[in-house]
């Protein structure tokens, strides 16, 4: 499977143009996906040195992308008549998804079991981040 992965807000916390702290289990999950022969493409708005820094940050943690901001490593304007910023990927992992970014354990499970977000929710294993806190019982007048 070809999987496009955003960097800021997905692999690391948003601190653009700086590189934020790693989102828990992001690089570990990406390394597991690489071992299972998925092709990972970094898909980022970063360019130039900022992009190079993000690629190096990932490489230093064992995540080497098949391609960066393109469909395949050798892609250029000269060898692709249809070169565009639109990737041809089977799956996109991005914090700007409708519904937000699941945690990396859920992302891995969705890919492995070919589940949808709806499948995860219907399993009952999804806990919303915005649950209302339980109210304390009040004794007395109020």
C-alpha atoms as a PDB file:
ATOM      1  CA  UNK A   1       0.000   0.000   0.000  1.00  0.00           C
ATOM      2  CA  UNK A   2       1.215   3.531  -0.718  1.00  0.00           C
ATOM      3  CA  UNK A   3       0.670   5.728   2.334  1.00  0.00           C
ATOM      4  CA  UNK A   4       1.132   9.503   2.303  1.00  0.00           C
ATOM      5  CA  UNK A   5       1.986  10.913   5.732  1.00  0.00           C
ATOM      6  CA  UNK A   6       1.895  14.545   6.805  1.00  0.00           C
ATOM      7  CA  UNK A   7       4.670  15.758   9.124  1.00  0.00           C
ATOM      8  CA  UNK A   8       3.572  18.751  11.246  1.00  0.00           C
ATOM      9  CA  UNK A   9       0.692  17.825  13.532  1.00  0.00           C
ATOM     10  CA  UNK A  10       0.832  14.176  12.464  1.00  0.00           C
ATOM     11  CA  UNK A  11       4.331  12.846  13.187  1.00  0.00           C
ATOM     12  CA  UNK A  12       5.309  15.783  15.409  1.00  0.00           C
ATOM     13  CA  UNK A  13       3.327  18.389  17.313  1.00  0.00           C
ATOM     14  CA  UNK A  14       2.662  21.668  15.478  1.00  0.00           C
ATOM     15  CA  UNK A  15       5.585  24.012  16.087  1.00  0.00           C
ATOM     16  CA  UNK A  16       6.136  25.074  12.457  1.00  0.00           C
ATOM     17  CA  UNK A  17       8.627  26.262  11.307  1.00  0.00           C
ATOM     18  CA  UNK A  18      10.401  24.503  14.188  1.00  0.00           C
ATOM     19  CA  UNK A  19      10.058  20.754  14.619  1.00  0.00           C
ATOM     20  CA  UNK A  20       7.784  19.903  17.527  1.00  0.00           C
ATOM     21  CA  UNK A  21       7.947  16.937  19.880  1.00  0.00           C
ATOM     22  CA  UNK A  22       7.142  13.541  18.421  1.00  0.00           C
ATOM     23  CA  UNK A  23       3.536  12.469  18.711  1.00  0.00           C
ATOM     24  CA  UNK A  24       3.602   9.253  20.791  1.00  0.00           C
ATOM     25  CA  UNK A  25       4.275   6.104  18.759  1.00  0.00           C
ATOM     26  CA  UNK A  26       4.400   7.911  15.392  1.00  0.00           C
ATOM     27  CA  UNK A  27       7.880   6.782  14.308  1.00  0.00           C
ATOM     28  CA  UNK A  28       7.478   3.307  15.819  1.00  0.00           C
ATOM     29  CA  UNK A  29       4.258   2.804  13.859  1.00  0.00           C
ATOM     30  CA  UNK A  30       5.797   4.110  10.638  1.00  0.00           C
ATOM     31  CA  UNK A  31       8.780   1.743  11.048  1.00  0.00           C
ATOM     32  CA  UNK A  32       6.388  -1.211  11.498  1.00  0.00           C
ATOM     33  CA  UNK A  33       4.545  -0.206   8.330  1.00  0.00           C
ATOM     34  CA  UNK A  34       7.847   0.036   6.429  1.00  0.00           C
ATOM     35  CA  UNK A  35       8.822  -3.480   7.605  1.00  0.00           C
ATOM     36  CA  UNK A  36       5.534  -4.730   6.160  1.00  0.00           C
ATOM     37  CA  UNK A  37       6.554  -3.308   2.756  1.00  0.00           C
ATOM     38  CA  UNK A  38       4.192  -0.345   2.708  1.00  0.00           C
ATOM     39  CA  UNK A  39       5.643   2.573   0.719  1.00  0.00           C
ATOM     40  CA  UNK A  40       5.606   5.743   2.789  1.00  0.00           C
ATOM     41  CA  UNK A  41       5.592   9.181   1.190  1.00  0.00           C
ATOM     42  CA  UNK A  42       6.177  12.286   3.272  1.00  0.00           C
ATOM     43  CA  UNK A  43       3.519  14.759   2.217  1.00  0.00           C
ATOM     44  CA  UNK A  44       4.249  18.175   3.701  1.00  0.00           C
ATOM     45  CA  UNK A  45       3.870  21.871   2.987  1.00  0.00           C
ATOM     46  CA  UNK A  46       7.494  22.250   4.049  1.00  0.00           C
ATOM     47  CA  UNK A  47       9.978  23.166   1.347  1.00  0.00           C
ATOM     48  CA  UNK A  48      13.723  23.705   1.053  1.00  0.00           C
ATOM     49  CA  UNK A  49      15.739  23.536   4.272  1.00  0.00           C
ATOM     50  CA  UNK A  50      12.612  23.135   6.422  1.00  0.00           C
ATOM     51  CA  UNK A  51      11.659  20.046   4.412  1.00  0.00           C
ATOM     52  CA  UNK A  52      15.230  18.715   4.511  1.00  0.00           C
ATOM     53  CA  UNK A  53      15.246  19.149   8.308  1.00  0.00           C
ATOM     54  CA  UNK A  54      11.974  17.187   8.635  1.00  0.00           C
ATOM     55  CA  UNK A  55      13.260  14.365   6.396  1.00  0.00           C
ATOM     56  CA  UNK A  56      16.516  14.219   8.407  1.00  0.00           C
ATOM     57  CA  UNK A  57      14.571  14.222  11.705  1.00  0.00           C
ATOM     58  CA  UNK A  58      12.630  11.171  10.512  1.00  0.00           C
ATOM     59  CA  UNK A  59      15.714   9.427   9.087  1.00  0.00           C
ATOM     60  CA  UNK A  60      17.567   9.920  12.397  1.00  0.00           C
ATOM     61  CA  UNK A  61      14.711   7.952  14.019  1.00  0.00           C
ATOM     62  CA  UNK A  62      14.753   5.147  11.449  1.00  0.00           C
ATOM     63  CA  UNK A  63      11.957   6.352   9.160  1.00  0.00           C
ATOM     64  CA  UNK A  64      13.100   6.647   5.546  1.00  0.00           C
ATOM     65  CA  UNK A  65      10.455   7.649   3.056  1.00  0.00           C
ATOM     66  CA  UNK A  66      10.026   6.094  -0.378  1.00  0.00           C
ATOM     67  CA  UNK A  67       9.470   9.609  -1.743  1.00  0.00           C
ATOM     68  CA  UNK A  68       9.043  13.134  -0.432  1.00  0.00           C
ATOM     69  CA  UNK A  69       6.287  15.386  -1.814  1.00  0.00           C
ATOM     70  CA  UNK A  70       6.048  13.329  -5.012  1.00  0.00           C
ATOM     71  CA  UNK A  71       4.719   9.979  -6.236  1.00  0.00           C
ATOM     72  CA  UNK A  72       8.108   8.301  -6.686  1.00  0.00           C
ATOM     73  CA  UNK A  73      11.710   9.289  -5.921  1.00  0.00           C
ATOM     74  CA  UNK A  74      12.754  10.037  -9.516  1.00  0.00           C
ATOM     75  CA  UNK A  75       9.696  12.144 -10.370  1.00  0.00           C
ATOM     76  CA  UNK A  76      10.481  15.529 -11.939  1.00  0.00           C
ATOM     77  CA  UNK A  77       8.693  17.934 -14.237  1.00  0.00           C
ATOM     78  CA  UNK A  78      10.732  16.500 -17.122  1.00  0.00           C
ATOM     79  CA  UNK A  79       9.752  12.842 -16.679  1.00  0.00           C
ATOM     80  CA  UNK A  80       6.106  13.241 -15.677  1.00  0.00           C
ATOM     81  CA  UNK A  81       3.774  15.035 -18.049  1.00  0.00           C
ATOM     82  CA  UNK A  82       1.133  15.131 -15.328  1.00  0.00           C
ATOM     83  CA  UNK A  83       3.356  16.309 -12.473  1.00  0.00           C
ATOM     84  CA  UNK A  84       1.207  17.962  -9.859  1.00  0.00           C
ATOM     85  CA  UNK A  85       1.046  18.404  -6.114  1.00  0.00           C
ATOM     86  CA  UNK A  86      -1.712  15.772  -6.038  1.00  0.00           C
ATOM     87  CA  UNK A  87      -0.319  12.441  -4.886  1.00  0.00           C
ATOM     88  CA  UNK A  88      -1.484   9.062  -6.022  1.00  0.00           C
ATOM     89  CA  UNK A  89      -1.648   7.259  -2.684  1.00  0.00           C
ATOM     90  CA  UNK A  90      -3.905   4.564  -1.272  1.00  0.00           C
ATOM     91  CA  UNK A  91      -4.139   6.229   2.120  1.00  0.00           C
ATOM     92  CA  UNK A  92      -3.410   9.657   3.596  1.00  0.00           C
ATOM     93  CA  UNK A  93      -2.518  10.110   7.275  1.00  0.00           C
ATOM     94  CA  UNK A  94      -2.993  13.757   8.197  1.00  0.00           C
ATOM     95  CA  UNK A  95      -4.105  15.655  11.290  1.00  0.00           C
ATOM     96  CA  UNK A  96      -6.416  17.707   9.058  1.00  0.00           C
ATOM     97  CA  UNK A  97      -8.575  14.654   8.274  1.00  0.00           C
ATOM     98  CA  UNK A  98     -12.284  14.959   8.764  1.00  0.00           C
ATOM     99  CA  UNK A  99     -12.650  13.764  12.332  1.00  0.00           C
ATOM    100  CA  UNK A 100      -9.062  14.577  13.270  1.00  0.00           C
ATOM    101  CA  UNK A 101      -6.080  12.299  13.779  1.00  0.00           C
ATOM    102  CA  UNK A 102      -6.678   8.974  15.545  1.00  0.00           C
ATOM    103  CA  UNK A 103      -3.874   7.854  17.840  1.00  0.00           C
ATOM    104  CA  UNK A 104      -1.111   5.886  16.124  1.00  0.00           C
ATOM    105  CA  UNK A 105      -2.252   2.574  17.636  1.00  0.00           C
ATOM    106  CA  UNK A 106      -5.659   3.029  16.032  1.00  0.00           C
ATOM    107  CA  UNK A 107      -4.049   4.084  12.742  1.00  0.00           C
ATOM    108  CA  UNK A 108      -1.944   0.916  12.719  1.00  0.00           C
ATOM    109  CA  UNK A 109      -4.961  -1.261  13.510  1.00  0.00           C
ATOM    110  CA  UNK A 110      -7.004   0.395  10.773  1.00  0.00           C
ATOM    111  CA  UNK A 111      -4.276  -0.311   8.195  1.00  0.00           C
ATOM    112  CA  UNK A 112      -3.591  -3.873   9.346  1.00  0.00           C
ATOM    113  CA  UNK A 113      -7.230  -4.912   9.560  1.00  0.00           C
ATOM    114  CA  UNK A 114      -8.330  -2.652   6.687  1.00  0.00           C
ATOM    115  CA  UNK A 115     -10.830  -0.991   8.990  1.00  0.00           C
ATOM    116  CA  UNK A 116     -12.516   2.341   8.577  1.00  0.00           C
ATOM    117  CA  UNK A 117     -12.825   5.052  11.189  1.00  0.00           C
ATOM    118  CA  UNK A 118     -16.472   4.005  11.533  1.00  0.00           C
ATOM    119  CA  UNK A 119     -15.374   0.403  12.249  1.00  0.00           C
ATOM    120  CA  UNK A 120     -13.138   1.608  15.085  1.00  0.00           C
ATOM    121  CA  UNK A 121     -15.917   3.714  16.600  1.00  0.00           C
ATOM    122  CA  UNK A 122     -18.460   0.895  16.329  1.00  0.00           C
ATOM    123  CA  UNK A 123     -16.094  -1.528  18.098  1.00  0.00           C
ATOM    124  CA  UNK A 124     -16.572   0.569  21.189  1.00  0.00           C
ATOM    125  CA  UNK A 125     -12.817   0.817  21.720  1.00  0.00           C
ATOM    126  CA  UNK A 126     -12.696   4.460  20.682  1.00  0.00           C
ATOM    127  CA  UNK A 127     -12.703   6.903  23.564  1.00  0.00           C
ATOM    128  CA  UNK A 128     -13.433  10.459  22.666  1.00  0.00           C
ATOM    129  CA  UNK A 129     -10.929  13.003  23.867  1.00  0.00           C
ATOM    130  CA  UNK A 130     -13.757  15.301  24.817  1.00  0.00           C
ATOM    131  CA  UNK A 131     -15.690  13.181  27.302  1.00  0.00           C
ATOM    132  CA  UNK A 132     -17.479  15.188  29.927  1.00  0.00           C
ATOM    133  CA  UNK A 133     -15.897  14.804  33.347  1.00  0.00           C
ATOM    134  CA  UNK A 134     -18.030  12.958  35.869  1.00  0.00           C
ATOM    135  CA  UNK A 135     -19.693  15.351  38.261  1.00  0.00           C
ATOM    136  CA  UNK A 136     -18.970  14.992  41.910  1.00  0.00           C
ATOM    137  CA  UNK A 137     -21.922  14.406  44.123  1.00  0.00           C
ATOM    138  CA  UNK A 138     -22.780  17.500  46.068  1.00  0.00           C
ATOM    139  CA  UNK A 139     -23.937  17.201  49.622  1.00  0.00           C
ATOM    140  CA  UNK A 140     -25.788  19.914  51.364  1.00  0.00           C
ATOM    141  CA  UNK A 141     -27.839  22.787  49.963  1.00  0.00           C
ATOM    142  CA  UNK A 142     -26.133  23.206  46.619  1.00  0.00           C
END
